[in-house]
PDB file of N, CA and C in Angstrom:
ATOM      1  N   MET A   1    -184.635 217.120  74.747  1.00  0.00           N
ATOM      2  CA  MET A   1    -185.332 217.884  75.722  1.00  0.00           C
ATOM      3  C   MET A   1    -186.806 217.779  75.436  1.00  0.00           C
ATOM      4  N   ASP A   2    -187.608 217.695  76.471  1.00  0.00           N
ATOM      5  CA  ASP A   2    -189.055 217.585  76.345  1.00  0.00           C
ATOM      6  C   ASP A   2    -189.659 218.976  76.503  1.00  0.00           C
ATOM      7  N   LEU A   3    -190.167 219.542  75.403  1.00  0.00           N
ATOM      8  CA  LEU A   3    -190.774 220.870  75.445  1.00  0.00           C
ATOM      9  C   LEU A   3    -192.279 220.806  75.660  1.00  0.00           C
ATOM     10  N   GLY A   4    -192.814 219.597  75.796  1.00  0.00           N
ATOM     11  CA  GLY A   4    -194.241 219.461  76.003  1.00  0.00           C
ATOM     12  C   GLY A   4    -195.042 219.530  74.720  1.00  0.00           C
ATOM     13  N   TYR A   5    -194.379 219.486  73.570  1.00  0.00           N
ATOM     14  CA  TYR A   5    -195.071 219.502  72.284  1.00  0.00           C
ATOM     15  C   TYR A   5    -195.464 218.081  71.903  1.00  0.00           C
ATOM     16  N   VAL A   6    -196.724 217.820  71.821  1.00  0.00           N
ATOM     17  CA  VAL A   6    -197.248 216.522  71.394  1.00  0.00           C
ATOM     18  C   VAL A   6    -196.423 215.327  71.876  1.00  0.00           C
ATOM     19  N   ALA A   7    -196.084 215.321  73.121  1.00  0.00           N
ATOM     20  CA  ALA A   7    -195.335 214.221  73.732  1.00  0.00           C
ATOM     21  C   ALA A   7    -194.118 213.826  72.897  1.00  0.00           C
ATOM     22  N   LYS A   8    -193.413 214.799  72.409  1.00  0.00           N
ATOM     23  CA  LYS A   8    -192.277 214.568  71.526  1.00  0.00           C
ATOM     24  C   LYS A   8    -191.013 215.123  72.172  1.00  0.00           C
ATOM     25  N   VAL A   9    -189.933 214.382  72.085  1.00  0.00           N
ATOM     26  CA  VAL A   9    -188.638 214.843  72.568  1.00  0.00           C
ATOM     27  C   VAL A   9    -187.907 215.457  71.382  1.00  0.00           C
ATOM     28  N   ARG A  10    -187.391 216.677  71.567  1.00  0.00           N
ATOM     29  CA  ARG A  10    -186.724 217.394  70.482  1.00  0.00           C
ATOM     30  C   ARG A  10    -185.295 217.760  70.865  1.00  0.00           C
ATOM     31  N   PRO A  11    -184.405 217.759  69.871  1.00  0.00           N
ATOM     32  CA  PRO A  11    -183.064 218.274  70.152  1.00  0.00           C
ATOM     33  C   PRO A  11    -183.100 219.790  70.235  1.00  0.00           C
ATOM     34  N   ALA A  12    -182.182 220.356  70.994  1.00  0.00           N
ATOM     35  CA  ALA A  12    -182.112 221.809  71.146  1.00  0.00           C
ATOM     36  C   ALA A  12    -180.693 222.206  71.519  1.00  0.00           C
ATOM     37  N   LEU A  13    -180.391 223.462  71.253  1.00  0.00           N
ATOM     38  CA  LEU A  13    -179.092 224.033  71.589  1.00  0.00           C
ATOM     39  C   LEU A  13    -179.232 224.817  72.888  1.00  0.00           C
ATOM     40  N   VAL A  14    -178.455 224.446  73.901  1.00  0.00           N
ATOM     41  CA  VAL A  14    -178.458 225.179  75.174  1.00  0.00           C
ATOM     42  C   VAL A  14    -177.638 226.443  74.971  1.00  0.00           C
ATOM     43  N   ILE A  15    -178.258 227.604  75.245  1.00  0.00           N
ATOM     44  CA  ILE A  15    -177.535 228.875  75.044  1.00  0.00           C
ATOM     45  C   ILE A  15    -177.305 229.630  76.347  1.00  0.00           C
ATOM     46  N   SER A  16    -177.771 229.090  77.460  1.00  0.00           N
ATOM     47  CA  SER A  16    -177.573 229.772  78.744  1.00  0.00           C
ATOM     48  C   SER A  16    -176.316 229.260  79.433  1.00  0.00           C
ATOM     49  N   VAL A  17    -175.839 230.050  80.376  1.00  0.00           N
ATOM     50  CA  VAL A  17    -174.667 229.668  81.153  1.00  0.00           C
ATOM     51  C   VAL A  17    -175.097 228.732  82.284  1.00  0.00           C
ATOM     52  N   PRO A  18    -174.190 227.940  82.831  1.00  0.00           N
ATOM     53  CA  PRO A  18    -174.561 227.078  83.958  1.00  0.00           C
ATOM     54  C   PRO A  18    -175.034 227.901  85.155  1.00  0.00           C
ATOM     55  N   ALA A  19    -176.030 227.396  85.845  1.00  0.00           N
ATOM     56  CA  ALA A  19    -176.586 228.085  87.009  1.00  0.00           C
ATOM     57  C   ALA A  19    -175.677 227.906  88.227  1.00  0.00           C
ATOM     58  N   CYS A  20    -175.607 228.933  89.054  1.00  0.00           N
ATOM     59  CA  CYS A  20    -174.895 228.863  90.332  1.00  0.00           C
ATOM     60  C   CYS A  20    -175.873 228.391  91.406  1.00  0.00           C
ATOM     61  N   ASP A  21    -175.383 228.144  92.596  1.00  0.00           N
ATOM     62  CA  ASP A  21    -176.230 227.623  93.675  1.00  0.00           C
ATOM     63  C   ASP A  21    -177.426 228.516  93.991  1.00  0.00           C
ATOM     64  N   ALA A  22    -177.248 229.834  93.952  1.00  0.00           N
ATOM     65  CA  ALA A  22    -178.336 230.753  94.300  1.00  0.00           C
ATOM     66  C   ALA A  22    -179.312 230.987  93.137  1.00  0.00           C
ATOM     67  N   ASP A  23    -178.963 230.508  91.933  1.00  0.00           N
ATOM     68  CA  ASP A  23    -179.800 230.709  90.755  1.00  0.00           C
ATOM     69  C   ASP A  23    -180.862 229.624  90.641  1.00  0.00           C
ATOM     70  N   ARG A  24    -181.889 229.917  89.875  1.00  0.00           N
ATOM     71  CA  ARG A  24    -182.863 228.889  89.536  1.00  0.00           C
ATOM     72  C   ARG A  24    -182.200 227.911  88.585  1.00  0.00           C
ATOM     73  N   SER A  25    -182.578 226.679  88.657  1.00  0.00           N
ATOM     74  CA  SER A  25    -182.007 225.649  87.792  1.00  0.00           C
ATOM     75  C   SER A  25    -182.771 225.617  86.471  1.00  0.00           C
ATOM     76  N   LEU A  26    -182.524 226.654  85.651  1.00  0.00           N
ATOM     77  CA  LEU A  26    -183.203 226.796  84.369  1.00  0.00           C
ATOM     78  C   LEU A  26    -182.183 226.838  83.247  1.00  0.00           C
ATOM     79  N   VAL A  27    -182.610 226.446  82.049  1.00  0.00           N
ATOM     80  CA  VAL A  27    -181.767 226.535  80.858  1.00  0.00           C
ATOM     81  C   VAL A  27    -182.591 227.165  79.735  1.00  0.00           C
ATOM     82  N   THR A  28    -181.935 227.985  78.923  1.00  0.00           N
ATOM     83  CA  THR A  28    -182.585 228.569  77.759  1.00  0.00           C
ATOM     84  C   THR A  28    -182.062 227.849  76.528  1.00  0.00           C
ATOM     85  N   LEU A  29    -183.002 227.526  75.630  1.00  0.00           N
ATOM     86  CA  LEU A  29    -182.703 226.666  74.495  1.00  0.00           C
ATOM     87  C   LEU A  29    -183.159 227.278  73.177  1.00  0.00           C
ATOM     88  N   VAL A  30    -182.474 226.883  72.116  1.00  0.00           N
ATOM     89  CA  VAL A  30    -182.921 227.143  70.749  1.00  0.00           C
ATOM     90  C   VAL A  30    -183.285 225.773  70.182  1.00  0.00           C
ATOM     91  N   PRO A  31    -184.571 225.504  69.993  1.00  0.00           N
ATOM     92  CA  PRO A  31    -184.978 224.192  69.485  1.00  0.00           C
ATOM     93  C   PRO A  31    -184.511 223.953  68.053  1.00  0.00           C
ATOM     94  N   HIS A  32    -184.291 222.688  67.747  1.00  0.00           N
ATOM     95  CA  HIS A  32    -183.951 222.250  66.390  1.00  0.00           C
ATOM     96  C   HIS A  32    -185.224 221.684  65.769  1.00  0.00           C
ATOM     97  N   THR A  33    -185.498 222.041  64.523  1.00  0.00           N
ATOM     98  CA  THR A  33    -186.683 221.548  63.850  1.00  0.00           C
ATOM     99  C   THR A  33    -186.315 220.915  62.513  1.00  0.00           C
ATOM    100  N   THR A  34    -187.069 219.917  62.134  1.00  0.00           N
ATOM    101  CA  THR A  34    -186.895 219.330  60.800  1.00  0.00           C
ATOM    102  C   THR A  34    -187.939 219.897  59.838  1.00  0.00           C
ATOM    103  N   SER A  35    -188.852 220.713  60.352  1.00  0.00           N
ATOM    104  CA  SER A  35    -189.872 221.374  59.526  1.00  0.00           C
ATOM    105  C   SER A  35    -189.411 222.792  59.208  1.00  0.00           C
ATOM    106  N   VAL A  36    -188.465 222.906  58.314  1.00  0.00           N
ATOM    107  CA  VAL A  36    -187.855 224.190  57.984  1.00  0.00           C
ATOM    108  C   VAL A  36    -188.804 225.009  57.112  1.00  0.00           C
ATOM    109  N   ARG A  37    -188.948 226.301  57.464  1.00  0.00           N
ATOM    110  CA  ARG A  37    -189.848 227.209  56.738  1.00  0.00           C
ATOM    111  C   ARG A  37    -189.087 228.277  55.965  1.00  0.00           C
ATOM    112  N   ASP A  38    -187.783 228.213  55.963  1.00  0.00           N
ATOM    113  CA  ASP A  38    -186.932 229.192  55.282  1.00  0.00           C
ATOM    114  C   ASP A  38    -187.055 230.588  55.895  1.00  0.00           C
ATOM    115  N   SER A  39    -187.218 230.641  57.200  1.00  0.00           N
ATOM    116  CA  SER A  39    -187.283 231.903  57.930  1.00  0.00           C
ATOM    117  C   SER A  39    -185.880 232.464  58.108  1.00  0.00           C
ATOM    118  N   GLN A  40    -185.784 233.783  58.214  1.00  0.00           N
ATOM    119  CA  GLN A  40    -184.487 234.415  58.469  1.00  0.00           C
ATOM    120  C   GLN A  40    -183.937 234.044  59.847  1.00  0.00           C
ATOM    121  N   PHE A  41    -184.785 233.482  60.705  1.00  0.00           N
ATOM    122  CA  PHE A  41    -184.366 233.124  62.059  1.00  0.00           C
ATOM    123  C   PHE A  41    -184.045 231.638  62.200  1.00  0.00           C
ATOM    124  N   GLU A  42    -184.143 230.890  61.107  1.00  0.00           N
ATOM    125  CA  GLU A  42    -183.758 229.477  61.102  1.00  0.00           C
ATOM    126  C   GLU A  42    -182.338 229.352  60.569  1.00  0.00           C
ATOM    127  N   VAL A  43    -181.551 228.537  61.251  1.00  0.00           N
ATOM    128  CA  VAL A  43    -180.151 228.370  60.868  1.00  0.00           C
ATOM    129  C   VAL A  43    -179.865 226.892  60.668  1.00  0.00           C
ATOM    130  N   VAL A  44    -179.496 226.553  59.447  1.00  0.00           N
ATOM    131  CA  VAL A  44    -179.125 225.177  59.127  1.00  0.00           C
ATOM    132  C   VAL A  44    -177.678 224.965  59.545  1.00  0.00           C
ATOM    133  N   VAL A  45    -177.472 223.986  60.418  1.00  0.00           N
ATOM    134  CA  VAL A  45    -176.128 223.631  60.880  1.00  0.00           C
ATOM    135  C   VAL A  45    -175.993 222.125  60.708  1.00  0.00           C
ATOM    136  N   PRO A  46    -175.374 221.675  59.617  1.00  0.00           N
ATOM    137  CA  PRO A  46    -175.243 220.235  59.413  1.00  0.00           C
ATOM    138  C   PRO A  46    -174.271 219.617  60.428  1.00  0.00           C
ATOM    139  N   VAL A  47    -174.785 218.695  61.217  1.00  0.00           N
ATOM    140  CA  VAL A  47    -173.956 217.952  62.165  1.00  0.00           C
ATOM    141  C   VAL A  47    -174.393 216.496  62.129  1.00  0.00           C
ATOM    142  N   HIS A  48    -173.468 215.603  62.393  1.00  0.00           N
ATOM    143  CA  HIS A  48    -173.751 214.175  62.266  1.00  0.00           C
ATOM    144  C   HIS A  48    -174.764 213.654  63.285  1.00  0.00           C
ATOM    145  N   PHE A  49    -174.957 214.332  64.403  1.00  0.00           N
ATOM    146  CA  PHE A  49    -175.831 213.825  65.456  1.00  0.00           C
ATOM    147  C   PHE A  49    -177.271 214.351  65.375  1.00  0.00           C
ATOM    148  N   LEU A  50    -177.592 215.132  64.325  1.00  0.00           N
ATOM    149  CA  LEU A  50    -178.953 215.640  64.144  1.00  0.00           C
ATOM    150  C   LEU A  50    -179.474 215.301  62.751  1.00  0.00           C
ATOM    151  N   LYS A  51    -180.784 215.104  62.651  1.00  0.00           N
ATOM    152  CA  LYS A  51    -181.409 214.947  61.341  1.00  0.00           C
ATOM    153  C   LYS A  51    -181.308 216.284  60.614  1.00  0.00           C
ATOM    154  N   PRO A  52    -181.398 216.288  59.284  1.00  0.00           N
ATOM    155  CA  PRO A  52    -181.389 217.565  58.560  1.00  0.00           C
ATOM    156  C   PRO A  52    -182.515 218.468  59.060  1.00  0.00           C
ATOM    157  N   GLY A  53    -182.193 219.745  59.259  1.00  0.00           N
ATOM    158  CA  GLY A  53    -183.159 220.700  59.781  1.00  0.00           C
ATOM    159  C   GLY A  53    -182.458 221.997  60.113  1.00  0.00           C
ATOM    160  N   ALA A  54    -183.027 222.735  61.068  1.00  0.00           N
ATOM    161  CA  ALA A  54    -182.467 224.041  61.422  1.00  0.00           C
ATOM    162  C   ALA A  54    -182.746 224.365  62.880  1.00  0.00           C
ATOM    163  N   PHE A  55    -181.886 225.208  63.452  1.00  0.00           N
ATOM    164  CA  PHE A  55    -182.145 225.769  64.770  1.00  0.00           C
ATOM    165  C   PHE A  55    -183.037 226.988  64.562  1.00  0.00           C
ATOM    166  N   ASP A  56    -184.114 227.103  65.345  1.00  0.00           N
ATOM    167  CA  ASP A  56    -185.109 228.155  65.172  1.00  0.00           C
ATOM    168  C   ASP A  56    -184.990 229.183  66.295  1.00  0.00           C
ATOM    169  N   ALA A  57    -184.331 230.308  65.991  1.00  0.00           N
ATOM    170  CA  ALA A  57    -184.111 231.351  67.000  1.00  0.00           C
ATOM    171  C   ALA A  57    -185.405 232.032  67.431  1.00  0.00           C
ATOM    172  N   GLN A  58    -186.487 231.884  66.673  1.00  0.00           N
ATOM    173  CA  GLN A  58    -187.776 232.458  67.061  1.00  0.00           C
ATOM    174  C   GLN A  58    -188.458 231.650  68.154  1.00  0.00           C
ATOM    175  N   ALA A  59    -188.019 230.443  68.360  1.00  0.00           N
ATOM    176  CA  ALA A  59    -188.706 229.538  69.278  1.00  0.00           C
ATOM    177  C   ALA A  59    -187.961 229.364  70.600  1.00  0.00           C
ATOM    178  N   LEU A  60    -187.250 230.393  71.035  1.00  0.00           N
ATOM    179  CA  LEU A  60    -186.523 230.318  72.305  1.00  0.00           C
ATOM    180  C   LEU A  60    -187.453 229.863  73.423  1.00  0.00           C
ATOM    181  N   VAL A  61    -186.917 229.061  74.311  1.00  0.00           N
ATOM    182  CA  VAL A  61    -187.699 228.577  75.444  1.00  0.00           C
ATOM    183  C   VAL A  61    -186.771 228.404  76.641  1.00  0.00           C
ATOM    184  N   THR A  62    -187.289 228.677  77.818  1.00  0.00           N
ATOM    185  CA  THR A  62    -186.553 228.439  79.060  1.00  0.00           C
ATOM    186  C   THR A  62    -187.316 227.400  79.851  1.00  0.00           C
ATOM    187  N   ILE A  63    -186.606 226.344  80.254  1.00  0.00           N
ATOM    188  CA  ILE A  63    -187.224 225.215  80.944  1.00  0.00           C
ATOM    189  C   ILE A  63    -186.375 224.825  82.155  1.00  0.00           C
ATOM    190  N   PRO A  64    -186.934 224.028  83.067  1.00  0.00           N
ATOM    191  CA  PRO A  64    -186.116 223.503  84.162  1.00  0.00           C
ATOM    192  C   PRO A  64    -185.028 222.575  83.613  1.00  0.00           C
ATOM    193  N   ALA A  65    -183.841 222.683  84.153  1.00  0.00           N
ATOM    194  CA  ALA A  65    -182.719 221.857  83.704  1.00  0.00           C
ATOM    195  C   ALA A  65    -183.033 220.367  83.835  1.00  0.00           C
ATOM    196  N   ALA A  66    -183.900 220.008  84.763  1.00  0.00           N
ATOM    197  CA  ALA A  66    -184.254 218.601  84.964  1.00  0.00           C
ATOM    198  C   ALA A  66    -184.936 217.994  83.743  1.00  0.00           C
ATOM    199  N   LYS A  67    -185.481 218.826  82.848  1.00  0.00           N
ATOM    200  CA  LYS A  67    -186.137 218.314  81.645  1.00  0.00           C
ATOM    201  C   LYS A  67    -185.153 217.905  80.557  1.00  0.00           C
ATOM    202  N   LEU A  68    -183.891 218.319  80.697  1.00  0.00           N
ATOM    203  CA  LEU A  68    -182.887 217.906  79.715  1.00  0.00           C
ATOM    204  C   LEU A  68    -182.668 216.403  79.848  1.00  0.00           C
ATOM    205  N   ILE A  69    -182.561 215.738  78.717  1.00  0.00           N
ATOM    206  CA  ILE A  69    -182.450 214.276  78.748  1.00  0.00           C
ATOM    207  C   ILE A  69    -181.005 213.811  78.582  1.00  0.00           C
ATOM    208  N   ARG A  70    -180.359 214.237  77.498  1.00  0.00           N
ATOM    209  CA  ARG A  70    -178.959 213.840  77.291  1.00  0.00           C
ATOM    210  C   ARG A  70    -178.296 214.775  76.285  1.00  0.00           C
ATOM    211  N   ARG A  71    -176.988 214.841  76.338  1.00  0.00           N
ATOM    212  CA  ARG A  71    -176.216 215.642  75.381  1.00  0.00           C
ATOM    213  C   ARG A  71    -175.988 214.798  74.129  1.00  0.00           C
ATOM    214  N   LEU A  72    -176.339 215.365  72.988  1.00  0.00           N
ATOM    215  CA  LEU A  72    -176.134 214.665  71.726  1.00  0.00           C
ATOM    216  C   LEU A  72    -174.777 214.970  71.120  1.00  0.00           C
ATOM    217  N   GLY A  73    -174.257 216.171  71.380  1.00  0.00           N
ATOM    218  CA  GLY A  73    -172.982 216.578  70.826  1.00  0.00           C
ATOM    219  C   GLY A  73    -172.731 218.045  71.110  1.00  0.00           C
ATOM    220  N   LEU A  74    -171.660 218.547  70.545  1.00  0.00           N
ATOM    221  CA  LEU A  74    -171.269 219.952  70.727  1.00  0.00           C
ATOM    222  C   LEU A  74    -171.104 220.620  69.372  1.00  0.00           C
ATOM    223  N   LEU A  75    -171.459 221.894  69.308  1.00  0.00           N
ATOM    224  CA  LEU A  75    -171.204 222.671  68.102  1.00  0.00           C
ATOM    225  C   LEU A  75    -169.849 223.348  68.228  1.00  0.00           C
ATOM    226  N   GLN A  76    -169.163 223.446  67.117  1.00  0.00           N
ATOM    227  CA  GLN A  76    -167.894 224.166  67.054  1.00  0.00           C
ATOM    228  C   GLN A  76    -168.204 225.665  66.940  1.00  0.00           C
ATOM    229  N   PRO A  77    -167.261 226.541  67.301  1.00  0.00           N
ATOM    230  CA  PRO A  77    -167.512 227.984  67.218  1.00  0.00           C
ATOM    231  C   PRO A  77    -168.029 228.431  65.848  1.00  0.00           C
ATOM    232  N   ALA A  78    -167.492 227.877  64.768  1.00  0.00           N
ATOM    233  CA  ALA A  78    -167.940 228.261  63.423  1.00  0.00           C
ATOM    234  C   ALA A  78    -169.388 227.825  63.167  1.00  0.00           C
ATOM    235  N   GLN A  79    -169.835 226.754  63.804  1.00  0.00           N
ATOM    236  CA  GLN A  79    -171.221 226.295  63.669  1.00  0.00           C
ATOM    237  C   GLN A  79    -172.153 227.132  64.545  1.00  0.00           C
ATOM    238  N   LEU A  80    -171.668 227.559  65.677  1.00  0.00           N
ATOM    239  CA  LEU A  80    -172.467 228.333  66.621  1.00  0.00           C
ATOM    240  C   LEU A  80    -172.665 229.783  66.166  1.00  0.00           C
ATOM    241  N   ALA A  81    -171.693 230.355  65.469  1.00  0.00           N
ATOM    242  CA  ALA A  81    -171.731 231.765  65.077  1.00  0.00           C
ATOM    243  C   ALA A  81    -173.002 232.163  64.313  1.00  0.00           C
ATOM    244  N   PRO A  82    -173.453 231.401  63.291  1.00  0.00           N
ATOM    245  CA  PRO A  82    -174.672 231.816  62.594  1.00  0.00           C
ATOM    246  C   PRO A  82    -175.924 231.725  63.468  1.00  0.00           C
ATOM    247  N   VAL A  83    -175.929 230.823  64.425  1.00  0.00           N
ATOM    248  CA  VAL A  83    -177.054 230.735  65.363  1.00  0.00           C
ATOM    249  C   VAL A  83    -177.060 231.985  66.245  1.00  0.00           C
ATOM    250  N   GLN A  84    -175.891 232.396  66.706  1.00  0.00           N
ATOM    251  CA  GLN A  84    -175.790 233.614  67.514  1.00  0.00           C
ATOM    252  C   GLN A  84    -176.286 234.831  66.732  1.00  0.00           C
ATOM    253  N   LEU A  85    -175.940 234.927  65.468  1.00  0.00           N
ATOM    254  CA  LEU A  85    -176.394 236.053  64.649  1.00  0.00           C
ATOM    255  C   LEU A  85    -177.915 236.051  64.502  1.00  0.00           C
ATOM    256  N   ALA A  86    -178.505 234.883  64.308  1.00  0.00           N
ATOM    257  CA  ALA A  86    -179.966 234.787  64.205  1.00  0.00           C
ATOM    258  C   ALA A  86    -180.621 235.208  65.523  1.00  0.00           C
ATOM    259  N   LEU A  87    -180.035 234.816  66.645  1.00  0.00           N
ATOM    260  CA  LEU A  87    -180.554 235.224  67.951  1.00  0.00           C
ATOM    261  C   LEU A  87    -180.483 236.742  68.124  1.00  0.00           C
ATOM    262  N   ILE A  88    -179.378 237.336  67.728  1.00  0.00           N
ATOM    263  CA  ILE A  88    -179.209 238.784  67.834  1.00  0.00           C
ATOM    264  C   ILE A  88    -180.262 239.498  66.988  1.00  0.00           C
ATOM    265  N   ARG A  89    -180.508 238.986  65.774  1.00  0.00           N
ATOM    266  CA  ARG A  89    -181.547 239.584  64.919  1.00  0.00           C
ATOM    267  C   ARG A  89    -182.924 239.430  65.554  1.00  0.00           C
ATOM    268  N   TRP A  90    -183.223 238.235  66.081  1.00  0.00           N
ATOM    269  CA  TRP A  90    -184.536 237.990  66.680  1.00  0.00           C
ATOM    270  C   TRP A  90    -184.770 238.897  67.887  1.00  0.00           C
ATOM    271  N   LEU A  91    -183.729 239.175  68.630  1.00  0.00           N
ATOM    272  CA  LEU A  91    -183.856 240.038  69.810  1.00  0.00           C
ATOM    273  C   LEU A  91    -183.794 241.528  69.457  1.00  0.00           C
ATOM    274  N   GLY A  92    -183.715 241.832  68.170  1.00  0.00           N
ATOM    275  CA  GLY A  92    -183.718 243.227  67.735  1.00  0.00           C
ATOM    276  C   GLY A  92    -182.431 243.953  68.000  1.00  0.00           C
ATOM    277  N   ARG A  93    -181.334 243.233  68.092  1.00  0.00           N
ATOM    278  CA  ARG A  93    -180.046 243.847  68.431  1.00  0.00           C
ATOM    279  C   ARG A  93    -179.080 243.879  67.265  1.00  0.00           C
ATOM    280  N   GLY A  94    -179.544 243.543  66.078  1.00  0.00           N
ATOM    281  CA  GLY A  94    -178.656 243.530  64.927  1.00  0.00           C
ATOM    282  C   GLY A  94    -179.441 243.775  63.653  1.00  0.00           C
ATOM    283  N   PRO A  95    -178.745 243.821  62.525  1.00  0.00           N
ATOM    284  CA  PRO A  95    -179.416 244.074  61.247  1.00  0.00           C
ATOM    285  C   PRO A  95    -180.320 242.914  60.851  1.00  0.00           C
ATOM    286  N   ARG A  96    -181.415 243.244  60.189  1.00  0.00           N
ATOM    287  CA  ARG A  96    -182.328 242.223  59.680  1.00  0.00           C
ATOM    288  C   ARG A  96    -181.703 241.588  58.449  1.00  0.00           C
ATOM    289  N   ALA A  97    -181.945 240.310  58.282  1.00  0.00           N
ATOM    290  CA  ALA A  97    -181.464 239.605  57.085  1.00  0.00           C
ATOM    291  C   ALA A  97    -182.488 239.774  55.972  1.00  0.00           C
ATOM    292  N   ARG A  98    -182.030 239.593  54.743  1.00  0.00           N
ATOM    293  CA  ARG A  98    -182.873 239.611  53.538  1.00  0.00           C
ATOM    294  C   ARG A  98    -183.411 240.938  53.273  1.00  0.00           C
TER     295      ARG A  98
END
């Protein structure tokens, strides 16, 4: 997905539901970064289709679906669960880590 950062294409996790006809064609994403800072909102999910790094729940972004380039793979429920927990913490809906 192209987030407009220094003309760089970045992998990201789509966390929004598919849009219906009356909805705007937008998707909300959790970007993946290889510049890990050890934040409580970064979640390392080792998968074969991504370089080592983490999903950054602090960097949520909503973009037009047309900016999505291609699907790299799918996360399994056990891989998605820690990302969901980081999102809940970032949104102030759960306990803080650390």
